[in-house]
Protein backbone atom coordinates (compact mmCIF):
# COMPACT_ATOMS: atom_id res chain seq x y z
CA UNK A 1 234.69 -10.29 85.57
CA UNK A 2 238.50 -10.30 85.61
CA UNK A 3 241.53 -12.47 84.91
CA UNK A 4 245.01 -12.45 86.52
CA UNK A 5 248.37 -13.40 84.97
CA UNK A 6 251.82 -14.23 86.43
CA UNK A 7 254.75 -12.35 84.91
CA UNK A 8 258.52 -12.93 84.44
CA UNK A 9 261.12 -15.48 85.56
CA UNK A 10 264.77 -14.39 86.21
CA UNK A 11 267.90 -16.50 86.77
CA UNK A 12 270.53 -14.90 88.97
CA UNK A 13 273.68 -16.86 89.87
CA UNK A 14 271.96 -20.21 89.31
CA UNK A 15 268.91 -19.34 91.35
CA UNK A 16 265.45 -18.77 89.95
CA UNK A 17 263.65 -15.71 91.22
CA UNK A 18 259.99 -15.19 90.40
CA UNK A 19 258.74 -11.66 90.07
CA UNK A 20 254.97 -11.46 90.47
CA UNK A 21 253.17 -8.85 88.49
CA UNK A 22 249.41 -9.00 88.62
CA UNK A 23 247.55 -7.98 85.50
CA UNK A 24 243.82 -7.46 85.72
CA UNK A 25 241.20 -7.39 83.00
CA UNK A 26 237.67 -6.30 83.80
CA UNK A 27 234.66 -6.70 81.56
CA UNK A 28 231.31 -5.12 82.33
CA UNK A 29 228.04 -4.29 80.56
CA UNK A 30 226.16 -1.05 81.00
CA UNK A 31 222.86 0.28 79.65
CA UNK A 32 223.42 3.72 78.12
CA UNK A 33 220.14 5.45 78.90
CA UNK A 34 221.66 8.73 77.69
CA UNK A 35 221.63 7.31 74.15
CA UNK A 36 217.99 6.16 74.23
CA UNK A 37 216.25 6.26 70.84
CA UNK A 38 212.75 7.52 70.00
CA UNK A 39 211.30 4.07 70.66
CA UNK A 40 212.51 4.19 74.26
CA UNK A 41 215.27 1.63 73.71
CA UNK A 42 218.72 2.15 75.20
CA UNK A 43 221.86 0.43 73.81
CA UNK A 44 223.86 -2.05 75.90
CA UNK A 45 227.57 -1.24 75.84
CA UNK A 46 230.56 -3.40 76.71
CA UNK A 47 233.34 -1.86 78.82
CA UNK A 48 236.68 -3.67 79.10
CA UNK A 49 239.81 -2.43 80.91
CA UNK A 50 243.20 -4.14 80.64
CA UNK A 51 246.82 -3.08 81.04
CA UNK A 52 245.79 0.53 81.58
CA UNK A 53 243.77 0.53 78.38
CA UNK A 54 240.02 0.75 77.91
CA UNK A 55 237.72 -0.72 75.27
CA UNK A 56 234.16 0.47 74.87
CA UNK A 57 231.83 -0.82 72.14
CA UNK A 58 228.18 -1.37 71.32
CA UNK A 59 226.97 -4.96 71.77
CA UNK A 60 224.18 -4.49 69.18
CA UNK A 61 221.62 -5.23 71.87
CA UNK A 62 218.93 -2.73 73.02
CA UNK A 63 216.19 -2.79 75.63
CA UNK A 64 214.01 -0.56 77.78
CA UNK A 65 215.44 0.51 81.14
CA UNK A 66 212.85 -1.60 82.97
CA UNK A 67 214.13 -4.71 81.12
CA UNK A 68 217.75 -4.29 82.28
CA UNK A 69 219.18 -5.48 85.63
CA UNK A 70 222.07 -3.03 86.30
CA UNK A 71 223.41 -4.86 89.36
CA UNK A 72 223.64 -8.20 87.60
CA UNK A 73 224.50 -6.63 84.24
CA UNK A 74 221.99 -8.75 82.38
CA UNK A 75 218.52 -8.65 80.87
CA UNK A 76 215.50 -9.25 83.05
CA UNK A 77 212.94 -11.97 82.35
CA UNK A 78 210.57 -9.34 81.01
CA UNK A 79 212.88 -8.88 78.02
CA UNK A 80 211.80 -10.92 75.00
CA UNK A 81 214.50 -13.49 74.26
CA UNK A 82 216.12 -12.92 77.63
CA UNK A 83 217.98 -16.25 77.77
CA UNK A 84 219.47 -15.93 74.29
CA UNK A 85 220.47 -12.28 74.90
CA UNK A 86 222.19 -13.03 78.23
CA UNK A 87 223.93 -16.02 76.68
CA UNK A 88 225.21 -13.75 73.92
CA UNK A 89 226.68 -11.27 76.46
CA UNK A 90 228.33 -14.09 78.37
CA UNK A 91 229.94 -15.49 75.25
CA UNK A 92 231.07 -12.01 74.22
CA UNK A 93 232.90 -11.58 77.55
CA UNK A 94 234.38 -15.07 77.17
CA UNK A 95 235.70 -14.22 73.70
CA UNK A 96 237.44 -11.13 75.07
CA UNK A 97 239.08 -13.08 77.90
CA UNK A 98 240.25 -15.80 75.55
CA UNK A 99 241.65 -13.25 73.13
CA UNK A 100 243.52 -11.49 75.93
CA UNK A 101 244.99 -14.77 77.17
CA UNK A 102 246.00 -15.88 73.68
CA UNK A 103 247.78 -12.61 72.95
CA UNK A 104 249.69 -12.70 76.24
CA UNK A 105 250.68 -16.34 75.68
CA UNK A 106 251.98 -15.45 72.24
CA UNK A 107 254.07 -12.60 73.67
CA UNK A 108 251.98 -9.97 71.92
CA UNK A 109 250.95 -6.87 73.82
CA UNK A 110 247.13 -6.58 73.78
CA UNK A 111 245.92 -3.37 72.19
CA UNK A 112 242.46 -1.88 71.92
CA UNK A 113 242.37 -2.64 68.19
CA UNK A 114 243.38 -6.29 68.69
CA UNK A 115 240.86 -6.75 71.48
CA UNK A 116 238.08 -5.09 69.47
CA UNK A 117 238.43 -7.83 66.87
CA UNK A 118 237.19 -10.34 69.44
CA UNK A 119 233.91 -8.43 69.81
CA UNK A 120 233.05 -8.86 66.14
CA UNK A 121 230.79 -11.82 65.36
CA UNK A 122 232.69 -14.67 63.81
CA UNK A 123 231.15 -15.61 60.51
CA UNK A 124 231.25 -19.34 60.09
CA UNK A 125 230.87 -20.36 56.48
CA UNK A 126 228.23 -22.99 56.14
CA UNK A 127 229.55 -26.12 54.49
CA UNK A 128 228.55 -26.41 50.87
CA UNK A 129 225.95 -29.02 50.23
CA UNK A 130 227.46 -31.94 48.34
CA UNK A 131 226.62 -32.00 44.64
CA UNK A 132 223.62 -34.17 43.99
CA UNK A 133 224.49 -36.64 41.23
CA UNK A 134 221.16 -38.12 40.20
CA UNK A 135 221.51 -41.06 37.84
CA UNK A 136 218.68 -39.90 35.59
CA UNK A 137 220.27 -36.46 35.17
CA UNK A 138 223.66 -38.03 34.47
CA UNK A 139 221.99 -40.28 31.89
CA UNK A 140 220.71 -37.15 30.11
CA UNK A 141 224.26 -35.76 30.08
CA UNK A 142 225.55 -39.09 28.72
CA UNK A 143 223.08 -38.99 25.85
CA UNK A 144 224.30 -35.49 25.00
CA UNK A 145 227.86 -36.83 24.99
CA UNK A 146 226.85 -39.59 22.57
CA UNK A 147 225.00 -37.04 20.46
CA UNK A 148 228.17 -34.98 20.23
CA UNK A 149 230.13 -38.08 19.25
CA UNK A 150 227.85 -38.56 16.27
CA UNK A 151 225.68 -41.45 17.42
CA UNK A 152 222.62 -42.07 15.28
CA UNK A 153 219.14 -40.91 16.29
CA UNK A 154 217.80 -44.44 16.76
CA UNK A 155 220.72 -45.34 19.02
CA UNK A 156 220.08 -42.28 21.15
CA UNK A 157 216.41 -43.24 21.27
CA UNK A 158 217.33 -46.67 22.66
CA UNK A 159 219.42 -45.03 25.38
CA UNK A 160 216.52 -42.73 26.18
CA UNK A 161 214.32 -45.80 26.68
CA UNK A 162 216.76 -47.13 29.28
CA UNK A 163 216.86 -43.70 30.93
CA UNK A 164 213.05 -43.53 31.14
CA UNK A 165 212.79 -46.99 32.71
CA UNK A 166 215.37 -45.91 35.30
CA UNK A 167 213.25 -42.84 36.07
CA UNK A 168 210.14 -45.03 36.48
CA UNK A 169 212.03 -47.32 38.84
CA UNK A 170 213.21 -44.31 40.87
CA UNK A 171 209.62 -43.16 41.20
CA UNK A 172 208.61 -46.69 42.22
CA UNK A 173 211.26 -46.72 44.96
CA UNK A 174 210.30 -43.20 46.08
CA UNK A 175 213.96 -42.34 46.51
CA UNK A 176 216.63 -40.72 44.39
CA UNK A 177 219.16 -42.97 42.68
CA UNK A 178 222.80 -41.88 42.62
CA UNK A 179 225.95 -43.63 41.33
CA UNK A 180 227.08 -44.53 44.85
CA UNK A 181 223.64 -45.68 45.99
CA UNK A 182 222.93 -47.84 42.92
CA UNK A 183 224.23 -51.02 44.53
CA UNK A 184 223.90 -54.62 43.40
CA UNK A 185 220.81 -55.20 45.61
CA UNK A 186 219.21 -52.08 44.08
CA UNK A 187 220.12 -53.35 40.61
CA UNK A 188 218.46 -56.67 41.40
CA UNK A 189 215.34 -54.74 42.41
CA UNK A 190 215.46 -52.91 39.07
CA UNK A 191 215.65 -56.20 37.16
CA UNK A 192 212.72 -57.54 39.21
CA UNK A 193 210.81 -54.32 38.50
CA UNK A 194 211.27 -54.75 34.74
CA UNK A 195 210.78 -58.50 34.48
CA UNK A 196 208.06 -59.18 37.06
CA UNK A 197 206.16 -55.95 37.60
CA UNK A 198 206.14 -54.93 33.93
CA UNK A 199 206.47 -58.35 32.30
CA UNK A 200 209.43 -57.41 30.12
CA UNK A 201 210.80 -60.17 27.92
CA UNK A 202 214.35 -61.50 28.09
CA UNK A 203 215.69 -59.56 25.12
CA UNK A 204 213.83 -56.37 26.00
CA UNK A 205 215.48 -56.64 29.41
CA UNK A 206 218.83 -57.29 27.74
CA UNK A 207 218.56 -54.09 25.68
CA UNK A 208 217.82 -51.97 28.77
CA UNK A 209 220.58 -53.49 30.90
CA UNK A 210 223.13 -53.38 28.07
CA UNK A 211 222.65 -49.62 27.66
CA UNK A 212 222.62 -49.13 31.44
CA UNK A 213 225.91 -50.97 31.83
CA UNK A 214 227.57 -48.85 29.12
CA UNK A 215 226.26 -45.74 30.87
CA UNK A 216 227.62 -46.83 34.27
CA UNK A 217 230.99 -47.67 32.72
CA UNK A 218 231.07 -44.15 31.26
CA UNK A 219 230.47 -42.69 34.74
CA UNK A 220 233.27 -44.79 36.18
CA UNK A 221 235.90 -44.52 33.46
CA UNK A 222 235.18 -41.15 31.82
CA UNK A 223 233.71 -39.18 34.73
CA UNK A 224 235.77 -40.81 37.48
CA UNK A 225 232.73 -41.39 39.70
CA UNK A 226 232.60 -44.11 42.31
CA UNK A 227 229.90 -46.70 41.69
CA UNK A 228 227.99 -48.65 44.25
CA UNK A 229 228.37 -51.95 42.39
CA UNK A 230 231.03 -53.95 40.61
CA UNK A 231 230.22 -53.87 36.88
CA UNK A 232 231.79 -57.31 36.54
CA UNK A 233 228.93 -58.71 38.62
CA UNK A 234 226.26 -56.97 36.57
CA UNK A 235 225.06 -59.79 34.35
CA UNK A 236 223.63 -58.90 30.94
CA UNK A 237 222.48 -61.90 28.93
CA UNK A 238 220.94 -62.23 25.49
CA UNK A 239 218.48 -65.02 24.81
CA UNK A 240 219.00 -66.50 21.37
CA UNK A 241 215.50 -66.30 19.95
CA UNK A 242 214.98 -67.93 16.52
CA UNK A 243 214.65 -65.24 13.88
CA UNK A 244 211.61 -65.27 11.63
CA UNK A 245 212.39 -65.40 7.93
CA UNK A 246 210.44 -66.30 4.83
CA UNK A 247 211.07 -69.13 2.42
CA UNK A 248 211.24 -68.79 -1.34
CA UNK A 249 207.68 -70.18 -1.48
CA UNK A 250 206.54 -67.51 0.99
CA UNK A 251 208.07 -64.76 -1.15
CA UNK A 252 206.37 -66.11 -4.24
CA UNK A 253 203.03 -66.23 -2.41
CA UNK A 254 203.41 -62.61 -1.32
CA UNK A 255 204.31 -61.48 -4.84
CA UNK A 256 201.23 -63.05 -6.43
CA UNK A 257 198.74 -62.31 -3.63
CA UNK A 258 195.68 -60.27 -4.62
CA UNK A 259 195.49 -57.39 -2.14
CA UNK A 260 193.44 -54.26 -1.49
CA UNK A 261 194.99 -51.24 -3.22
CA UNK A 262 196.12 -49.64 0.06
CA UNK A 263 198.15 -52.74 0.98
CA UNK A 264 199.94 -53.17 -2.35
CA UNK A 265 202.63 -50.47 -1.73
CA UNK A 266 203.34 -51.95 1.72
CA UNK A 267 203.80 -55.42 0.19
CA UNK A 268 206.09 -53.99 -2.51
CA UNK A 269 208.30 -52.13 -0.04
CA UNK A 270 208.58 -55.25 2.10
CA UNK A 271 209.54 -57.41 -0.88
CA UNK A 272 212.09 -54.81 -1.99
CA UNK A 273 213.75 -55.09 1.43
CA UNK A 274 213.64 -58.91 1.14
CA UNK A 275 215.54 -58.58 -2.18
CA UNK A 276 218.11 -56.05 -0.91
CA UNK A 277 218.47 -56.60 2.87
CA UNK A 278 217.78 -52.94 3.64
CA UNK A 279 216.61 -51.93 7.09
CA UNK A 280 213.40 -49.95 7.39
CA UNK A 281 215.37 -46.79 8.26
CA UNK A 282 217.38 -47.03 5.03
CA UNK A 283 214.40 -47.93 2.80
CA UNK A 284 212.55 -44.93 4.20
CA UNK A 285 215.25 -42.50 3.01
CA UNK A 286 216.14 -43.98 -0.36
CA UNK A 287 216.45 -41.22 -2.97
CA UNK A 288 217.57 -41.02 -6.62
CA UNK A 289 221.13 -40.22 -5.55
CA UNK A 290 221.43 -43.78 -4.23
CA UNK A 291 220.91 -45.28 -7.71
CA UNK A 292 224.02 -45.98 -9.82
CA UNK A 293 224.73 -47.83 -13.04
CA UNK A 294 226.90 -50.95 -12.97
CA UNK A 295 227.70 -53.38 -15.79
CA UNK A 296 224.56 -52.44 -17.67
CA UNK A 297 222.41 -52.90 -14.55
CA UNK A 298 221.77 -50.85 -11.40
CA UNK A 299 223.11 -50.86 -7.86
CA UNK A 300 222.27 -49.00 -4.65
CA UNK A 301 225.06 -47.14 -2.91
CA UNK A 302 224.27 -45.65 0.50
CA UNK A 303 225.55 -45.10 4.01
CA UNK A 304 223.54 -47.11 6.52
CA UNK A 305 221.62 -44.99 9.00
CA UNK A 306 222.26 -47.30 11.95
CA UNK A 307 225.94 -48.18 11.54
CA UNK A 308 227.16 -45.33 9.28
CA UNK A 309 228.84 -47.98 7.14
CA UNK A 310 228.80 -47.56 3.33
CA UNK A 311 227.24 -50.44 1.41
CA UNK A 312 226.74 -51.29 -2.26
CA UNK A 313 223.84 -53.57 -3.20
CA UNK A 314 223.14 -55.11 -6.58
CA UNK A 315 219.52 -54.64 -7.68
CA UNK A 316 218.03 -57.90 -8.92
CA UNK A 317 215.39 -57.85 -11.63
CA UNK A 318 212.65 -58.25 -9.01
CA UNK A 319 213.98 -55.35 -6.92
CA UNK A 320 214.46 -53.13 -9.98
CA UNK A 321 210.91 -53.83 -11.15
CA UNK A 322 209.53 -52.56 -7.84
CA UNK A 323 211.53 -49.31 -8.15
CA UNK A 324 210.34 -48.82 -11.73
CA UNK A 325 206.75 -49.37 -10.65
CA UNK A 326 206.90 -46.23 -8.50
CA UNK A 327 209.14 -44.14 -10.78
CA UNK A 328 206.21 -42.15 -12.28
CA UNK A 329 208.63 -40.65 -14.83
CA UNK A 330 209.53 -37.68 -12.62
CA UNK A 331 212.37 -36.86 -10.28
CA UNK A 332 211.36 -38.25 -6.90
CA UNK A 333 212.45 -37.16 -3.45
CA UNK A 334 211.97 -40.76 -2.26
CA UNK A 335 212.23 -43.95 -4.31
CA UNK A 336 209.61 -45.95 -2.40
CA UNK A 337 206.22 -45.20 -0.76
CA UNK A 338 207.29 -46.12 2.80
CA UNK A 339 204.79 -45.54 5.62
CA UNK A 340 205.49 -45.21 9.35
CA UNK A 341 207.10 -48.35 10.77
CA UNK A 342 204.22 -49.27 13.15
CA UNK A 343 201.74 -48.89 10.27
CA UNK A 344 203.90 -51.04 7.97
CA UNK A 345 204.16 -53.78 10.62
CA UNK A 346 200.42 -53.74 11.26
CA UNK A 347 199.60 -53.96 7.53
CA UNK A 348 202.17 -56.72 6.97
CA UNK A 349 200.28 -59.07 9.28
CA UNK A 350 197.12 -58.56 7.21
CA UNK A 351 199.09 -59.03 4.00
CA UNK A 352 200.67 -62.24 5.32
CA UNK A 353 197.26 -63.63 6.26
CA UNK A 354 195.83 -62.81 2.82
CA UNK A 355 198.88 -64.40 1.15
CA UNK A 356 198.37 -67.61 3.12
CA UNK A 357 201.49 -67.43 5.31
CA UNK A 358 199.79 -69.54 7.97
CA UNK A 359 202.43 -72.20 8.68
CA UNK A 360 202.58 -72.69 12.49
CA UNK A 361 205.67 -71.38 14.27
CA UNK A 362 206.58 -72.05 17.89
CA UNK A 363 207.10 -69.02 20.13
CA UNK A 364 208.36 -68.98 23.68
CA UNK A 365 208.08 -66.43 26.46
CA UNK A 366 208.54 -66.19 30.22
CA UNK A 367 205.32 -65.71 32.18
CA UNK A 368 205.58 -65.60 35.95
CA UNK A 369 208.96 -67.27 35.80
CA UNK A 370 207.60 -70.14 33.69
CA UNK A 371 208.48 -70.94 30.08
CA UNK A 372 205.30 -70.75 28.01
CA UNK A 373 205.35 -72.13 24.46
CA UNK A 374 202.65 -71.71 21.89
CA UNK A 375 202.08 -72.09 18.18
CA UNK A 376 201.21 -69.06 16.05
CA UNK A 377 200.83 -68.61 12.28
CA UNK A 378 203.86 -67.19 10.49
CA UNK A 379 202.08 -63.99 9.44
CA UNK A 380 201.71 -62.89 13.07
CA UNK A 381 205.50 -62.70 13.41
CA UNK A 382 206.22 -60.79 10.19
CA UNK A 383 207.61 -57.27 10.60
CA UNK A 384 209.71 -55.00 8.41
CA UNK A 385 212.87 -56.43 9.99
CA UNK A 386 211.79 -59.91 8.85
CA UNK A 387 212.77 -58.77 5.37
CA UNK A 388 216.41 -58.37 6.43
CA UNK A 389 216.47 -61.84 8.00
CA UNK A 390 214.88 -63.24 4.83
CA UNK A 391 217.44 -61.61 2.54
CA UNK A 392 220.38 -62.92 4.59
CA UNK A 393 219.05 -66.46 4.86
CA UNK A 394 217.92 -66.75 1.23
CA UNK A 395 221.20 -65.28 -0.06
CA UNK A 396 223.22 -67.88 1.84
CA UNK A 397 220.93 -70.70 0.73
CA UNK A 398 221.48 -69.56 -2.86
CA UNK A 399 225.25 -69.86 -2.43
CA UNK A 400 226.29 -66.27 -1.66
CA UNK A 401 229.56 -66.26 0.27
CA UNK A 402 229.16 -65.16 3.94
CA UNK A 403 232.09 -62.78 3.44
CA UNK A 404 230.30 -61.13 0.50
CA UNK A 405 227.02 -61.04 2.41
CA UNK A 406 228.81 -59.40 5.33
CA UNK A 407 229.77 -56.48 3.10
CA UNK A 408 226.29 -56.18 1.58
CA UNK A 409 224.62 -56.09 5.01
CA UNK A 410 227.22 -53.78 6.50
CA UNK A 411 228.19 -56.04 9.41
CA UNK A 412 231.49 -55.26 11.11
CA UNK A 413 231.97 -58.91 12.14
CA UNK A 414 231.43 -62.10 10.17
CA UNK A 415 229.94 -63.76 13.29
CA UNK A 416 227.06 -61.31 13.11
CA UNK A 417 226.26 -62.37 9.58
CA UNK A 418 226.39 -66.05 10.50
CA UNK A 419 224.13 -65.53 13.49
CA UNK A 420 221.74 -63.28 11.62
CA UNK A 421 221.09 -65.77 8.86
CA UNK A 422 220.76 -68.92 11.00
CA UNK A 423 223.44 -70.41 8.78
CA UNK A 424 224.48 -73.10 11.28
CA UNK A 425 221.01 -74.60 11.74
CA UNK A 426 219.97 -74.57 8.10
CA UNK A 427 223.27 -75.84 6.78
CA UNK A 428 223.53 -78.62 9.35
CA UNK A 429 220.15 -79.89 8.18
CA UNK A 430 221.29 -79.76 4.57
CA UNK A 431 224.52 -81.56 5.41
CA UNK A 432 222.60 -84.39 7.08
CA UNK A 433 220.10 -84.51 4.22
CA UNK A 434 222.90 -84.81 1.68
CA UNK A 435 224.70 -87.46 3.76
CA UNK A 436 221.65 -89.63 4.47
CA UNK A 437 219.05 -88.93 1.79
CA UNK A 438 221.05 -87.42 -1.05
CA UNK A 439 220.19 -84.14 -2.82
CA UNK A 440 216.53 -83.33 -3.23
CA UNK A 441 215.05 -83.97 -6.64
CA UNK A 442 216.07 -81.24 -9.08
CA UNK A 443 218.64 -79.69 -6.67
CA UNK A 444 222.35 -79.44 -7.22
CA UNK A 445 224.32 -78.98 -3.97
CA UNK A 446 226.54 -75.91 -3.87
CA UNK A 447 229.69 -75.82 -1.77
CA UNK A 448 230.52 -72.75 0.31
CA UNK A 449 233.66 -72.34 2.42
CA UNK A 450 232.92 -70.86 5.84
CA UNK A 451 235.73 -70.33 8.33
CA UNK A 452 237.81 -73.08 6.78
CA UNK A 453 234.97 -75.63 6.66
CA UNK A 454 232.99 -76.81 3.68
CA UNK A 455 229.24 -76.20 3.97
CA UNK A 456 226.62 -77.43 1.57
CA UNK A 457 223.99 -75.02 0.26
CA UNK A 458 221.16 -75.55 -2.13
CA UNK A 459 221.67 -73.81 -5.41
CA UNK A 460 217.99 -73.04 -5.64
CA UNK A 461 215.67 -72.23 -2.76
């Protein structure tokens, strides 16, 4: 194995004269039987001569004398891994020749030290595996971010629900979801998975997709990650479902209903929320520090658990009587005997049935893509949150200003109060009644200004 190189060019009196100088480089491999180890293996050495210099080094290969072909300077077939070993020696010689040529081309005189570098194995760093950005893991990080920003426990719980449905969908697909792979077609599959496979209702679906969209926007805007879909094309729609609320007659029926002793506290807590508009989460944590005197009466002052907004609520005689019923004359950690929310909701349906809240109400749901309507008694729809709807609606019907009610309920927008209380539907009926039939017997119409328009409300409900 050798290479030859042409040397210098000289210009003398306009003529080019070429001086040939032949440089040889020889590379050979030899088995050093004189350095055989106790196992009978002899090392294979590389010998290279160039420009009057000589390089000798160990190739890191060993074999028995019978496994080496001295004339061909290669391993015999009897040597285990013969092809790979011979290929290694060939590439080692090629590296030396290339190094010699590169040095000469660069005008650098090859030295033994420079040539020895070519015999060292070149370590090629393996490319780092790209960071796996799994959507479910990123969702966990997002919830921690919201936790650090002071979001309430129930809000974080809602986000966790969306995260868990995403994990179930990932398991259903049998593939990992990442920001770049969550495309619009994949999103459509997710919606189908929720609506069709698991029969999720329109507003349950809305809650999941709303939280998912906020999460994806966080990845795009705060984390700078590329998404696989345009958020503008990710539709999230809320179905306006009529809210269940109780009439004044319903409240009176509940108050006078004869109930088993274990249901009485549940009824009282529910009525208290109907008189104050408190959410379950706030009623659960009411304590003596929330009670304050005002104008010879009492008010509740608290910071809402859900919105963190401070509210002040006047305690009517009916609401105050319920608090006094459970005062027991001692300092109490909690003002009301509130049970777990699922238990309260289950008991309320029994209480409603015993109180005669059986007026039929139409419900609607999507089943197999079809709208299914049915009639159910009112008591089946009563939950703890019905109390909040009842307070808002009854307060407006009694002439409370929407702006005042907004502050009592802790809404950041007036539109929320109007929507919550079904003010448009109820007042439009009253307006038509007044225009066509006149005020009901014994009623005096009350006028309330809402967004620059005059609305008519019954003074007594």
